[in-house]
Amino acid sequence: MVAEPAAPRLIALLDAAPARAIGAPTATESGIVLLARLGTVGISVLGRFLDEFDVDVVPFSDAHWQEGLRAFQRFGRGRHPAGLNFGDCLTYAVAKLAGRPLLCTGDDFARTD
């Protein structure tokens, strides 16, 4: 994340947030991306990031997969201008059920509720 152009703004927002969480599927996806880009060190990078920012990993439950399906039905790619993909729908479900805002780049989630 540090190499991304928006990194300073995102880090400031993370620092200012009263609480931080990530869904278990999104944490897995992030770990896969970091592993592919950085090799095995990517796993420790993710662990340090989650620890440093005190990010809770939210388990994915029956309610989450059902909300994820509803998200795709309402906002999925090819169905709505938001065009949420599989991972986006899982992220949406975790935030929606927790009643928490999303910290994200792009405007896909801004086109949802």
C-alpha atoms as a PDB file:
ATOM      1  CA  MET A   1       0.000   0.000   0.000  1.00  0.00           C
ATOM      2  CA  VAL A   2       2.866   2.382   0.717  1.00  0.00           C
ATOM      3  CA  ALA A   3       3.823   2.554  -2.984  1.00  0.00           C
ATOM      4  CA  GLU A   4       0.296   3.549  -4.024  1.00  0.00           C
ATOM      5  CA  PRO A   5      -0.248   7.232  -4.885  1.00  0.00           C
ATOM      6  CA  ALA A   6      -3.136   7.511  -2.411  1.00  0.00           C
ATOM      7  CA  ALA A   7      -1.163   5.854   0.418  1.00  0.00           C
ATOM      8  CA  PRO A   8      -0.531   8.969   2.557  1.00  0.00           C
ATOM      9  CA  ARG A   9      -4.228   9.904   2.516  1.00  0.00           C
ATOM     10  CA  LEU A  10      -5.348   6.339   3.247  1.00  0.00           C
ATOM     11  CA  ILE A  11      -2.864   5.936   6.093  1.00  0.00           C
ATOM     12  CA  ALA A  12      -4.056   9.211   7.637  1.00  0.00           C
ATOM     13  CA  LEU A  13      -7.661   7.995   7.416  1.00  0.00           C
ATOM     14  CA  LEU A  14      -6.714   4.660   8.994  1.00  0.00           C
ATOM     15  CA  ASP A  15      -4.930   6.464  11.819  1.00  0.00           C
ATOM     16  CA  ALA A  16      -7.982   8.650  12.445  1.00  0.00           C
ATOM     17  CA  ALA A  17     -10.535   5.824  12.401  1.00  0.00           C
ATOM     18  CA  PRO A  18     -11.934   4.872  15.815  1.00  0.00           C
ATOM     19  CA  ALA A  19     -11.897   1.182  14.819  1.00  0.00           C
ATOM     20  CA  ARG A  20     -10.635  -0.845  11.874  1.00  0.00           C
ATOM     21  CA  ALA A  21     -11.750  -4.217  10.537  1.00  0.00           C
ATOM     22  CA  ILE A  22     -11.306  -6.420   7.493  1.00  0.00           C
ATOM     23  CA  GLY A  23     -13.345  -9.424   6.465  1.00  0.00           C
ATOM     24  CA  ALA A  24     -11.492 -12.742   6.546  1.00  0.00           C
ATOM     25  CA  PRO A  25     -11.968 -13.265   2.773  1.00  0.00           C
ATOM     26  CA  THR A  26     -10.545  -9.809   2.031  1.00  0.00           C
ATOM     27  CA  ALA A  27      -7.594 -10.445   4.326  1.00  0.00           C
ATOM     28  CA  THR A  28      -6.966 -13.687   2.434  1.00  0.00           C
ATOM     29  CA  GLU A  29      -7.191 -11.922  -0.927  1.00  0.00           C
ATOM     30  CA  SER A  30      -4.804  -9.215   0.293  1.00  0.00           C
ATOM     31  CA  GLY A  31      -2.379 -11.869   1.498  1.00  0.00           C
ATOM     32  CA  ILE A  32      -2.493 -13.649  -1.861  1.00  0.00           C
ATOM     33  CA  VAL A  33      -1.745 -10.398  -3.707  1.00  0.00           C
ATOM     34  CA  LEU A  34       1.153  -9.590  -1.369  1.00  0.00           C
ATOM     35  CA  LEU A  35       2.500 -13.131  -1.610  1.00  0.00           C
ATOM     36  CA  ALA A  36       2.389 -12.969  -5.415  1.00  0.00           C
ATOM     37  CA  ARG A  37       4.088  -9.558  -5.516  1.00  0.00           C
ATOM     38  CA  LEU A  38       6.613  -9.883  -2.693  1.00  0.00           C
ATOM     39  CA  GLY A  39       7.060 -13.605  -2.171  1.00  0.00           C
ATOM     40  CA  THR A  40       6.841 -15.095   1.312  1.00  0.00           C
ATOM     41  CA  VAL A  41       7.731 -11.751   2.907  1.00  0.00           C
ATOM     42  CA  GLY A  42       4.273 -10.577   1.757  1.00  0.00           C
ATOM     43  CA  ILE A  43       2.681 -12.706   4.460  1.00  0.00           C
ATOM     44  CA  SER A  44       4.616 -10.954   7.218  1.00  0.00           C
ATOM     45  CA  VAL A  45       3.909  -7.563   5.600  1.00  0.00           C
ATOM     46  CA  LEU A  46       0.176  -8.226   5.902  1.00  0.00           C
ATOM     47  CA  GLY A  47       0.543  -9.428   9.493  1.00  0.00           C
ATOM     48  CA  ARG A  48       2.522  -6.342  10.482  1.00  0.00           C
ATOM     49  CA  PHE A  49      -0.004  -4.067   8.760  1.00  0.00           C
ATOM     50  CA  LEU A  50      -2.942  -5.664  10.591  1.00  0.00           C
ATOM     51  CA  ASP A  51      -1.072  -5.459  13.905  1.00  0.00           C
ATOM     52  CA  GLU A  52       0.235  -1.910  13.434  1.00  0.00           C
ATOM     53  CA  PHE A  53      -3.189  -0.516  12.598  1.00  0.00           C
ATOM     54  CA  ASP A  54      -4.995  -2.772  15.113  1.00  0.00           C
ATOM     55  CA  VAL A  55      -7.253  -4.225  12.406  1.00  0.00           C
ATOM     56  CA  ASP A  56      -9.766  -6.834  13.543  1.00  0.00           C
ATOM     57  CA  VAL A  57     -10.290  -9.748  11.143  1.00  0.00           C
ATOM     58  CA  VAL A  58     -14.033 -10.412  10.926  1.00  0.00           C
ATOM     59  CA  PRO A  59     -15.058 -14.066  10.434  1.00  0.00           C
ATOM     60  CA  PHE A  60     -17.292 -14.683   7.409  1.00  0.00           C
ATOM     61  CA  SER A  61     -20.612 -16.236   8.446  1.00  0.00           C
ATOM     62  CA  ASP A  62     -23.852 -17.453   6.880  1.00  0.00           C
ATOM     63  CA  ALA A  63     -25.237 -13.931   7.155  1.00  0.00           C
ATOM     64  CA  HIS A  64     -22.193 -12.609   5.271  1.00  0.00           C
ATOM     65  CA  TRP A  65     -22.471 -14.893   2.266  1.00  0.00           C
ATOM     66  CA  GLN A  66     -26.178 -14.132   2.015  1.00  0.00           C
ATOM     67  CA  GLU A  67     -25.504 -10.382   2.150  1.00  0.00           C
ATOM     68  CA  GLY A  68     -22.753 -10.860  -0.435  1.00  0.00           C
ATOM     69  CA  LEU A  69     -25.265 -12.463  -2.797  1.00  0.00           C
ATOM     70  CA  ARG A  70     -27.698  -9.602  -2.235  1.00  0.00           C
ATOM     71  CA  ALA A  71     -24.862  -7.169  -2.959  1.00  0.00           C
ATOM     72  CA  PHE A  72     -24.177  -8.854  -6.285  1.00  0.00           C
ATOM     73  CA  GLN A  73     -27.877  -8.959  -7.107  1.00  0.00           C
ATOM     74  CA  ARG A  74     -28.185  -5.207  -6.480  1.00  0.00           C
ATOM     75  CA  PHE A  75     -24.748  -3.813  -7.366  1.00  0.00           C
ATOM     76  CA  GLY A  76     -22.906  -6.530  -9.290  1.00  0.00           C
ATOM     77  CA  ARG A  77     -20.909  -6.092 -12.468  1.00  0.00           C
ATOM     78  CA  GLY A  78     -23.256  -6.090 -15.446  1.00  0.00           C
ATOM     79  CA  ARG A  79     -26.221  -5.268 -13.202  1.00  0.00           C
ATOM     80  CA  HIS A  80     -25.467  -1.832 -11.775  1.00  0.00           C
ATOM     81  CA  PRO A  81     -23.085   1.097 -12.415  1.00  0.00           C
ATOM     82  CA  ALA A  82     -21.154   0.185  -9.238  1.00  0.00           C
ATOM     83  CA  GLY A  83     -20.077  -3.021 -10.971  1.00  0.00           C
ATOM     84  CA  LEU A  84     -18.999  -4.869  -7.827  1.00  0.00           C
ATOM     85  CA  ASN A  85     -16.930  -7.996  -8.436  1.00  0.00           C
ATOM     86  CA  PHE A  86     -16.757 -11.109  -6.246  1.00  0.00           C
ATOM     87  CA  GLY A  87     -14.281  -9.690  -3.734  1.00  0.00           C
ATOM     88  CA  ASP A  88     -16.114  -6.370  -3.636  1.00  0.00           C
ATOM     89  CA  CYS A  89     -19.364  -8.145  -2.746  1.00  0.00           C
ATOM     90  CA  LEU A  90     -17.665  -9.924   0.161  1.00  0.00           C
ATOM     91  CA  THR A  91     -16.186  -6.645   1.402  1.00  0.00           C
ATOM     92  CA  TYR A  92     -19.561  -4.926   1.036  1.00  0.00           C
ATOM     93  CA  ALA A  93     -21.242  -7.701   3.056  1.00  0.00           C
ATOM     94  CA  VAL A  94     -18.842  -7.345   5.988  1.00  0.00           C
ATOM     95  CA  ALA A  95     -19.233  -3.551   6.108  1.00  0.00           C
ATOM     96  CA  LYS A  96     -23.008  -3.649   5.601  1.00  0.00           C
ATOM     97  CA  LEU A  97     -23.636  -6.144   8.400  1.00  0.00           C
ATOM     98  CA  ALA A  98     -21.301  -4.285  10.750  1.00  0.00           C
ATOM     99  CA  GLY A  99     -22.921  -0.948   9.893  1.00  0.00           C
ATOM    100  CA  ARG A 100     -19.460   0.495   9.252  1.00  0.00           C
ATOM    101  CA  PRO A 101     -18.088   2.682   6.462  1.00  0.00           C
ATOM    102  CA  LEU A 102     -15.606   1.386   3.897  1.00  0.00           C
ATOM    103  CA  LEU A 103     -12.186   2.868   3.293  1.00  0.00           C
ATOM    104  CA  CYS A 104     -11.577   2.288  -0.385  1.00  0.00           C
ATOM    105  CA  THR A 105     -10.167   3.786  -3.539  1.00  0.00           C
ATOM    106  CA  GLY A 106     -12.145   4.276  -6.721  1.00  0.00           C
ATOM    107  CA  ASP A 107     -15.820   5.100  -6.934  1.00  0.00           C
ATOM    108  CA  ASP A 108     -17.436   1.652  -7.108  1.00  0.00           C
ATOM    109  CA  PHE A 109     -18.570   1.543  -3.485  1.00  0.00           C
ATOM    110  CA  ALA A 110     -19.694   5.175  -3.605  1.00  0.00           C
ATOM    111  CA  ARG A 111     -22.337   4.010  -6.094  1.00  0.00           C
ATOM    112  CA  THR A 112     -23.852   1.604  -3.558  1.00  0.00           C
ATOM    113  CA  ASP A 113     -25.887   2.395  -0.480  1.00  0.00           C
END
